[in-house]
Amino acid sequence: MRPLPRGSALRVRAVAAGAAAATLTTGLAVRAGADGAFAKYAGSALYTVLLCALVAFFAPRARPVAVAGAALALSWAVELLQLTGVPGELAARSTAARLVLGSTFNAPDLFWYAVGAAAAWGVHAGARRRATASSSAAPRPAASR
């Protein structure tokens, strides 16, 4: 995969910010409109998609596989941290901590985080492929004399 064209970091950040907002909106809609296993595991996958968007925002030149891998590692780290009970204690005192860290370990979440990372990787890789293809096909301005 070719590197991103110069000056595209700002564009990547804008798209990543939009993706983060869309992911949050989708997560809230799922939470409001669904329940049970679907809502639970869709939320787990969307958690990792959101992390992918945030990693892409802060590291706009990172390759999609690195973005997805970092987000998946963070998701798994947070889930495994729940085995310590620390997130549960923090969640009891703070809504923000409950939303970010969760409260109790749930092994199936590990799988759904991978699903979210794979989906985000696919979208990111496809968008990056289109961006690099269109930038290499665009005519170059003539050099001024």
N, C-alpha and C. Protein backbone atom coordinates (compact mmCIF):
# COMPACT_ATOMS: atom_id res chain seq x y z
N MET A 1 0.85 -1.18 0.00
CA MET A 1 0.00 0.00 0.00
C MET A 1 0.89 1.24 0.00
N ARG A 2 0.58 2.17 -0.88
CA ARG A 2 1.35 3.41 -0.96
C ARG A 2 1.09 4.29 0.25
N PRO A 3 2.09 5.12 0.63
CA PRO A 3 1.86 6.06 1.73
C PRO A 3 0.83 7.12 1.32
N LEU A 4 0.25 7.73 2.31
CA LEU A 4 -0.72 8.78 2.04
C LEU A 4 -0.03 9.97 1.39
N PRO A 5 -0.73 10.66 0.49
CA PRO A 5 -0.16 11.85 -0.12
C PRO A 5 0.07 12.94 0.93
N ARG A 6 1.01 13.81 0.64
CA ARG A 6 1.29 14.93 1.54
C ARG A 6 0.05 15.79 1.73
N GLY A 7 -0.10 16.31 2.93
CA GLY A 7 -1.22 17.19 3.22
C GLY A 7 -2.54 16.48 3.49
N SER A 8 -2.52 15.17 3.52
CA SER A 8 -3.78 14.45 3.72
C SER A 8 -4.08 14.16 5.19
N ALA A 9 -3.14 14.44 6.09
CA ALA A 9 -3.36 14.15 7.51
C ALA A 9 -4.57 14.90 8.05
N LEU A 10 -4.74 16.13 7.64
CA LEU A 10 -5.89 16.91 8.10
C LEU A 10 -7.19 16.29 7.60
N ARG A 11 -7.19 15.83 6.36
CA ARG A 11 -8.36 15.18 5.79
C ARG A 11 -8.67 13.88 6.54
N VAL A 12 -7.63 13.10 6.84
CA VAL A 12 -7.82 11.85 7.59
C VAL A 12 -8.40 12.15 8.96
N ARG A 13 -7.89 13.18 9.61
CA ARG A 13 -8.41 13.55 10.93
C ARG A 13 -9.87 13.96 10.86
N ALA A 14 -10.23 14.71 9.82
CA ALA A 14 -11.63 15.13 9.68
C ALA A 14 -12.54 13.92 9.47
N VAL A 15 -12.12 12.99 8.62
CA VAL A 15 -12.92 11.78 8.39
C VAL A 15 -12.99 10.95 9.67
N ALA A 16 -11.88 10.83 10.38
CA ALA A 16 -11.86 10.05 11.63
C ALA A 16 -12.79 10.68 12.67
N ALA A 17 -12.79 12.00 12.76
CA ALA A 17 -13.69 12.67 13.71
C ALA A 17 -15.14 12.42 13.33
N GLY A 18 -15.44 12.49 12.04
CA GLY A 18 -16.80 12.18 11.57
C GLY A 18 -17.18 10.74 11.86
N ALA A 19 -16.23 9.83 11.65
CA ALA A 19 -16.49 8.41 11.93
C ALA A 19 -16.73 8.19 13.42
N ALA A 20 -15.98 8.89 14.26
CA ALA A 20 -16.18 8.76 15.70
C ALA A 20 -17.58 9.25 16.09
N ALA A 21 -17.97 10.39 15.54
CA ALA A 21 -19.31 10.92 15.84
C ALA A 21 -20.40 9.98 15.34
N ALA A 22 -20.23 9.44 14.13
CA ALA A 22 -21.21 8.50 13.58
C ALA A 22 -21.27 7.22 14.42
N THR A 23 -20.13 6.77 14.89
CA THR A 23 -20.09 5.56 15.71
C THR A 23 -20.80 5.79 17.04
N LEU A 24 -20.55 6.93 17.66
CA LEU A 24 -21.24 7.25 18.92
C LEU A 24 -22.75 7.33 18.70
N THR A 25 -23.16 7.98 17.62
CA THR A 25 -24.59 8.10 17.31
C THR A 25 -25.21 6.72 17.09
N THR A 26 -24.51 5.88 16.35
CA THR A 26 -25.00 4.52 16.11
C THR A 26 -25.10 3.74 17.42
N GLY A 27 -24.08 3.86 18.26
CA GLY A 27 -24.10 3.17 19.54
C GLY A 27 -25.26 3.61 20.42
N LEU A 28 -25.52 4.91 20.45
CA LEU A 28 -26.65 5.41 21.23
C LEU A 28 -27.98 4.95 20.64
N ALA A 29 -28.07 4.90 19.32
CA ALA A 29 -29.30 4.43 18.68
C ALA A 29 -29.53 2.95 18.97
N VAL A 30 -28.48 2.16 18.91
CA VAL A 30 -28.62 0.73 19.23
C VAL A 30 -29.05 0.56 20.68
N ARG A 31 -28.44 1.34 21.55
CA ARG A 31 -28.78 1.24 22.97
C ARG A 31 -30.22 1.63 23.24
N ALA A 32 -30.71 2.66 22.50
CA ALA A 32 -32.08 3.13 22.70
C ALA A 32 -33.11 2.23 22.02
N GLY A 33 -32.73 1.61 20.89
CA GLY A 33 -33.72 0.89 20.11
C GLY A 33 -33.66 -0.62 20.19
N ALA A 34 -32.66 -1.15 20.83
CA ALA A 34 -32.53 -2.61 20.89
C ALA A 34 -32.17 -3.02 22.31
N ASP A 35 -32.32 -4.30 22.56
CA ASP A 35 -31.91 -4.82 23.86
C ASP A 35 -31.41 -6.24 23.70
N GLY A 36 -31.04 -6.83 24.78
CA GLY A 36 -30.59 -8.22 24.75
C GLY A 36 -29.20 -8.38 24.15
N ALA A 37 -28.96 -9.57 23.62
CA ALA A 37 -27.64 -9.92 23.11
C ALA A 37 -27.22 -9.03 21.95
N PHE A 38 -28.17 -8.70 21.05
CA PHE A 38 -27.80 -7.84 19.92
C PHE A 38 -27.22 -6.52 20.38
N ALA A 39 -27.92 -5.85 21.28
CA ALA A 39 -27.45 -4.55 21.77
C ALA A 39 -26.12 -4.68 22.49
N LYS A 40 -25.98 -5.72 23.29
CA LYS A 40 -24.75 -5.93 24.05
C LYS A 40 -23.55 -6.10 23.13
N TYR A 41 -23.68 -7.00 22.16
CA TYR A 41 -22.52 -7.30 21.33
C TYR A 41 -22.30 -6.28 20.22
N ALA A 42 -23.36 -5.63 19.77
CA ALA A 42 -23.19 -4.51 18.84
C ALA A 42 -22.43 -3.40 19.54
N GLY A 43 -22.76 -3.16 20.81
CA GLY A 43 -22.04 -2.16 21.58
C GLY A 43 -20.58 -2.50 21.74
N SER A 44 -20.27 -3.77 21.94
CA SER A 44 -18.87 -4.19 22.06
C SER A 44 -18.12 -3.95 20.77
N ALA A 45 -18.71 -4.33 19.64
CA ALA A 45 -18.06 -4.11 18.35
C ALA A 45 -17.89 -2.61 18.08
N LEU A 46 -18.92 -1.84 18.36
CA LEU A 46 -18.86 -0.40 18.13
C LEU A 46 -17.83 0.29 19.03
N TYR A 47 -17.61 -0.25 20.22
CA TYR A 47 -16.58 0.28 21.12
C TYR A 47 -15.22 0.24 20.42
N THR A 48 -14.92 -0.88 19.77
CA THR A 48 -13.64 -1.00 19.08
C THR A 48 -13.62 -0.16 17.81
N VAL A 49 -14.74 -0.04 17.12
CA VAL A 49 -14.81 0.84 15.94
C VAL A 49 -14.51 2.28 16.37
N LEU A 50 -15.07 2.69 17.49
CA LEU A 50 -14.80 4.04 18.01
C LEU A 50 -13.31 4.20 18.33
N LEU A 51 -12.72 3.20 18.96
CA LEU A 51 -11.29 3.28 19.25
C LEU A 51 -10.47 3.36 17.96
N CYS A 52 -10.89 2.64 16.92
CA CYS A 52 -10.21 2.73 15.62
C CYS A 52 -10.26 4.17 15.10
N ALA A 53 -11.42 4.78 15.18
CA ALA A 53 -11.55 6.16 14.71
C ALA A 53 -10.65 7.10 15.52
N LEU A 54 -10.57 6.88 16.82
CA LEU A 54 -9.73 7.73 17.66
C LEU A 54 -8.24 7.50 17.37
N VAL A 55 -7.85 6.26 17.18
CA VAL A 55 -6.44 5.98 16.83
C VAL A 55 -6.11 6.63 15.49
N ALA A 56 -7.01 6.50 14.51
CA ALA A 56 -6.77 7.12 13.19
C ALA A 56 -6.69 8.64 13.31
N PHE A 57 -7.49 9.22 14.20
CA PHE A 57 -7.45 10.67 14.41
C PHE A 57 -6.08 11.10 14.94
N PHE A 58 -5.58 10.37 15.92
CA PHE A 58 -4.31 10.75 16.55
C PHE A 58 -3.08 10.26 15.80
N ALA A 59 -3.26 9.30 14.91
CA ALA A 59 -2.14 8.78 14.10
C ALA A 59 -2.61 8.67 12.65
N PRO A 60 -2.83 9.80 11.98
CA PRO A 60 -3.45 9.77 10.65
C PRO A 60 -2.62 9.08 9.57
N ARG A 61 -1.34 8.93 9.77
CA ARG A 61 -0.51 8.26 8.77
C ARG A 61 -0.34 6.76 9.03
N ALA A 62 -0.89 6.28 10.13
CA ALA A 62 -0.78 4.85 10.46
C ALA A 62 -1.54 4.02 9.44
N ARG A 63 -1.00 2.87 9.15
CA ARG A 63 -1.66 1.95 8.22
C ARG A 63 -2.93 1.39 8.87
N PRO A 64 -3.93 1.08 8.07
CA PRO A 64 -5.19 0.56 8.62
C PRO A 64 -5.01 -0.65 9.53
N VAL A 65 -4.11 -1.57 9.17
CA VAL A 65 -3.91 -2.75 10.02
C VAL A 65 -3.34 -2.35 11.38
N ALA A 66 -2.48 -1.33 11.42
CA ALA A 66 -1.93 -0.87 12.70
C ALA A 66 -3.00 -0.17 13.53
N VAL A 67 -3.85 0.60 12.87
CA VAL A 67 -4.95 1.28 13.56
C VAL A 67 -5.89 0.25 14.19
N ALA A 68 -6.30 -0.74 13.39
CA ALA A 68 -7.21 -1.77 13.89
C ALA A 68 -6.54 -2.60 14.98
N GLY A 69 -5.27 -2.92 14.80
CA GLY A 69 -4.56 -3.71 15.81
C GLY A 69 -4.43 -2.98 17.12
N ALA A 70 -4.13 -1.68 17.06
CA ALA A 70 -4.01 -0.89 18.29
C ALA A 70 -5.36 -0.79 19.00
N ALA A 71 -6.43 -0.56 18.23
CA ALA A 71 -7.75 -0.47 18.83
C ALA A 71 -8.17 -1.80 19.45
N LEU A 72 -7.87 -2.89 18.77
CA LEU A 72 -8.21 -4.21 19.31
C LEU A 72 -7.42 -4.49 20.59
N ALA A 73 -6.14 -4.15 20.58
CA ALA A 73 -5.32 -4.35 21.78
C ALA A 73 -5.86 -3.53 22.95
N LEU A 74 -6.24 -2.29 22.70
CA LEU A 74 -6.81 -1.45 23.76
C LEU A 74 -8.12 -2.04 24.28
N SER A 75 -8.97 -2.49 23.36
CA SER A 75 -10.25 -3.09 23.77
C SER A 75 -10.02 -4.31 24.64
N TRP A 76 -9.13 -5.18 24.19
CA TRP A 76 -8.84 -6.39 24.98
C TRP A 76 -8.22 -6.03 26.32
N ALA A 77 -7.35 -5.02 26.35
CA ALA A 77 -6.72 -4.62 27.61
C ALA A 77 -7.76 -4.13 28.60
N VAL A 78 -8.72 -3.33 28.13
CA VAL A 78 -9.77 -2.83 29.01
C VAL A 78 -10.62 -4.00 29.52
N GLU A 79 -10.96 -4.94 28.62
CA GLU A 79 -11.78 -6.08 29.04
C GLU A 79 -11.04 -6.93 30.08
N LEU A 80 -9.76 -7.18 29.83
CA LEU A 80 -8.99 -7.99 30.78
C LEU A 80 -8.76 -7.25 32.10
N LEU A 81 -8.67 -5.92 32.04
CA LEU A 81 -8.55 -5.12 33.27
C LEU A 81 -9.77 -5.32 34.16
N GLN A 82 -10.91 -5.62 33.56
CA GLN A 82 -12.13 -5.84 34.33
C GLN A 82 -12.01 -7.04 35.26
N LEU A 83 -11.09 -7.93 34.96
CA LEU A 83 -10.87 -9.08 35.86
C LEU A 83 -10.30 -8.64 37.21
N THR A 84 -9.70 -7.45 37.26
CA THR A 84 -9.12 -6.97 38.51
C THR A 84 -10.16 -6.36 39.45
N GLY A 85 -11.29 -5.97 38.93
CA GLY A 85 -12.29 -5.32 39.76
C GLY A 85 -12.14 -3.81 39.83
N VAL A 86 -11.02 -3.28 39.36
CA VAL A 86 -10.81 -1.83 39.41
C VAL A 86 -11.85 -1.08 38.58
N PRO A 87 -12.11 -1.49 37.33
CA PRO A 87 -13.13 -0.77 36.57
C PRO A 87 -14.51 -0.83 37.24
N GLY A 88 -14.84 -1.93 37.88
CA GLY A 88 -16.11 -2.04 38.59
C GLY A 88 -16.22 -1.02 39.70
N GLU A 89 -15.13 -0.85 40.46
CA GLU A 89 -15.10 0.16 41.53
C GLU A 89 -15.27 1.56 40.97
N LEU A 90 -14.54 1.85 39.89
CA LEU A 90 -14.63 3.17 39.27
C LEU A 90 -16.00 3.40 38.66
N ALA A 91 -16.57 2.37 38.05
CA ALA A 91 -17.88 2.48 37.43
C ALA A 91 -18.98 2.77 38.45
N ALA A 92 -18.79 2.26 39.66
CA ALA A 92 -19.78 2.52 40.71
C ALA A 92 -19.81 3.99 41.11
N ARG A 93 -18.72 4.69 40.85
CA ARG A 93 -18.62 6.11 41.25
C ARG A 93 -18.76 7.08 40.09
N SER A 94 -18.61 6.59 38.85
CA SER A 94 -18.57 7.52 37.72
C SER A 94 -19.22 6.91 36.49
N THR A 95 -20.16 7.64 35.92
CA THR A 95 -20.80 7.20 34.68
C THR A 95 -19.79 7.16 33.55
N ALA A 96 -18.89 8.14 33.50
CA ALA A 96 -17.87 8.17 32.45
C ALA A 96 -16.98 6.94 32.53
N ALA A 97 -16.58 6.58 33.74
CA ALA A 97 -15.74 5.38 33.91
C ALA A 97 -16.51 4.14 33.49
N ARG A 98 -17.78 4.08 33.79
CA ARG A 98 -18.60 2.92 33.40
C ARG A 98 -18.68 2.81 31.89
N LEU A 99 -18.85 3.95 31.20
CA LEU A 99 -18.95 3.93 29.74
C LEU A 99 -17.62 3.58 29.08
N VAL A 100 -16.53 4.06 29.63
CA VAL A 100 -15.21 3.84 29.01
C VAL A 100 -14.62 2.50 29.40
N LEU A 101 -14.72 2.13 30.68
CA LEU A 101 -14.04 0.94 31.19
C LEU A 101 -14.95 -0.26 31.42
N GLY A 102 -16.26 -0.05 31.39
CA GLY A 102 -17.16 -1.16 31.72
C GLY A 102 -17.06 -1.50 33.19
N SER A 103 -17.59 -2.65 33.55
CA SER A 103 -17.54 -3.00 34.97
C SER A 103 -17.21 -4.47 35.21
N THR A 104 -17.70 -5.35 34.34
CA THR A 104 -17.48 -6.78 34.58
C THR A 104 -16.96 -7.46 33.32
N PHE A 105 -16.10 -8.43 33.53
CA PHE A 105 -15.51 -9.18 32.43
C PHE A 105 -16.56 -10.06 31.77
N ASN A 106 -16.54 -10.10 30.43
CA ASN A 106 -17.45 -10.94 29.66
C ASN A 106 -16.65 -11.49 28.48
N ALA A 107 -16.27 -12.76 28.55
CA ALA A 107 -15.39 -13.36 27.54
C ALA A 107 -15.88 -13.18 26.10
N PRO A 108 -17.17 -13.31 25.78
CA PRO A 108 -17.60 -13.12 24.39
C PRO A 108 -17.29 -11.73 23.83
N ASP A 109 -17.15 -10.75 24.71
CA ASP A 109 -16.79 -9.41 24.23
C ASP A 109 -15.48 -9.43 23.47
N LEU A 110 -14.55 -10.28 23.86
CA LEU A 110 -13.25 -10.35 23.19
C LEU A 110 -13.43 -10.66 21.70
N PHE A 111 -14.34 -11.57 21.38
CA PHE A 111 -14.64 -11.89 19.99
C PHE A 111 -15.27 -10.70 19.28
N TRP A 112 -16.25 -10.05 19.91
CA TRP A 112 -16.96 -8.95 19.26
C TRP A 112 -16.07 -7.73 19.06
N TYR A 113 -15.08 -7.55 19.93
CA TYR A 113 -14.09 -6.50 19.70
C TYR A 113 -13.33 -6.79 18.41
N ALA A 114 -12.98 -8.06 18.18
CA ALA A 114 -12.28 -8.44 16.95
C ALA A 114 -13.16 -8.20 15.73
N VAL A 115 -14.44 -8.45 15.85
CA VAL A 115 -15.38 -8.18 14.76
C VAL A 115 -15.39 -6.68 14.44
N GLY A 116 -15.45 -5.87 15.47
CA GLY A 116 -15.43 -4.41 15.27
C GLY A 116 -14.14 -3.94 14.63
N ALA A 117 -13.01 -4.49 15.08
CA ALA A 117 -11.71 -4.11 14.52
C ALA A 117 -11.61 -4.52 13.06
N ALA A 118 -12.11 -5.72 12.73
CA ALA A 118 -12.08 -6.19 11.35
C ALA A 118 -12.95 -5.32 10.44
N ALA A 119 -14.12 -4.96 10.93
CA ALA A 119 -15.00 -4.10 10.14
C ALA A 119 -14.37 -2.73 9.92
N ALA A 120 -13.83 -2.14 10.97
CA ALA A 120 -13.20 -0.82 10.84
C ALA A 120 -11.98 -0.89 9.94
N TRP A 121 -11.20 -1.97 10.05
CA TRP A 121 -10.04 -2.14 9.18
C TRP A 121 -10.49 -2.18 7.72
N GLY A 122 -11.54 -2.93 7.42
CA GLY A 122 -12.02 -3.03 6.05
C GLY A 122 -12.44 -1.68 5.48
N VAL A 123 -13.17 -0.92 6.25
CA VAL A 123 -13.61 0.41 5.81
C VAL A 123 -12.41 1.34 5.64
N HIS A 124 -11.52 1.34 6.62
CA HIS A 124 -10.34 2.21 6.59
C HIS A 124 -9.44 1.85 5.41
N ALA A 125 -9.16 0.56 5.21
CA ALA A 125 -8.29 0.13 4.11
C ALA A 125 -8.91 0.49 2.76
N GLY A 126 -10.21 0.28 2.62
CA GLY A 126 -10.87 0.64 1.37
C GLY A 126 -10.84 2.13 1.10
N ALA A 127 -11.10 2.92 2.13
CA ALA A 127 -11.07 4.38 1.96
C ALA A 127 -9.66 4.86 1.63
N ARG A 128 -8.68 4.27 2.29
CA ARG A 128 -7.30 4.68 2.02
C ARG A 128 -6.88 4.28 0.60
N ARG A 129 -7.31 3.10 0.17
CA ARG A 129 -6.98 2.64 -1.18
C ARG A 129 -7.59 3.60 -2.22
N ARG A 130 -8.84 3.99 -2.00
CA ARG A 130 -9.49 4.94 -2.91
C ARG A 130 -8.78 6.29 -2.89
N ALA A 131 -8.39 6.75 -1.70
CA ALA A 131 -7.73 8.05 -1.59
C ALA A 131 -6.37 8.06 -2.29
N THR A 132 -5.60 7.01 -2.12
CA THR A 132 -4.28 6.98 -2.76
C THR A 132 -4.42 6.77 -4.27
N ALA A 133 -5.43 6.02 -4.71
CA ALA A 133 -5.63 5.83 -6.14
C ALA A 133 -6.07 7.12 -6.81
N SER A 134 -6.97 7.86 -6.17
CA SER A 134 -7.44 9.11 -6.77
C SER A 134 -6.36 10.19 -6.75
N SER A 135 -5.51 10.18 -5.73
CA SER A 135 -4.46 11.20 -5.69
C SER A 135 -3.37 10.91 -6.72
N SER A 136 -3.12 9.63 -7.02
CA SER A 136 -2.09 9.31 -8.02
C SER A 136 -2.63 9.49 -9.43
N ALA A 137 -3.96 9.44 -9.62
CA ALA A 137 -4.56 9.61 -10.93
C ALA A 137 -4.82 11.07 -11.26
N ALA A 138 -4.81 11.92 -10.23
CA ALA A 138 -5.11 13.33 -10.44
C ALA A 138 -3.98 13.99 -11.21
N PRO A 139 -4.33 14.88 -12.14
CA PRO A 139 -3.26 15.56 -12.89
C PRO A 139 -2.45 16.46 -11.98
N ARG A 140 -1.18 16.50 -12.22
CA ARG A 140 -0.28 17.35 -11.44
C ARG A 140 -0.28 18.76 -12.05
N PRO A 141 -0.25 19.79 -11.21
CA PRO A 141 -0.19 21.15 -11.77
C PRO A 141 1.16 21.37 -12.46
N ALA A 142 1.13 22.17 -13.51
CA ALA A 142 2.36 22.47 -14.23
C ALA A 142 3.26 23.31 -13.36
N ALA A 143 4.55 23.07 -13.47
CA ALA A 143 5.53 23.82 -12.69
C ALA A 143 5.57 25.25 -13.20
N SER A 144 5.62 26.19 -12.26
CA SER A 144 5.72 27.60 -12.67
C SER A 144 7.15 27.93 -13.04
N ARG A 145 7.29 28.82 -13.95
CA ARG A 145 8.64 29.18 -14.43
C ARG A 145 9.07 30.51 -13.94
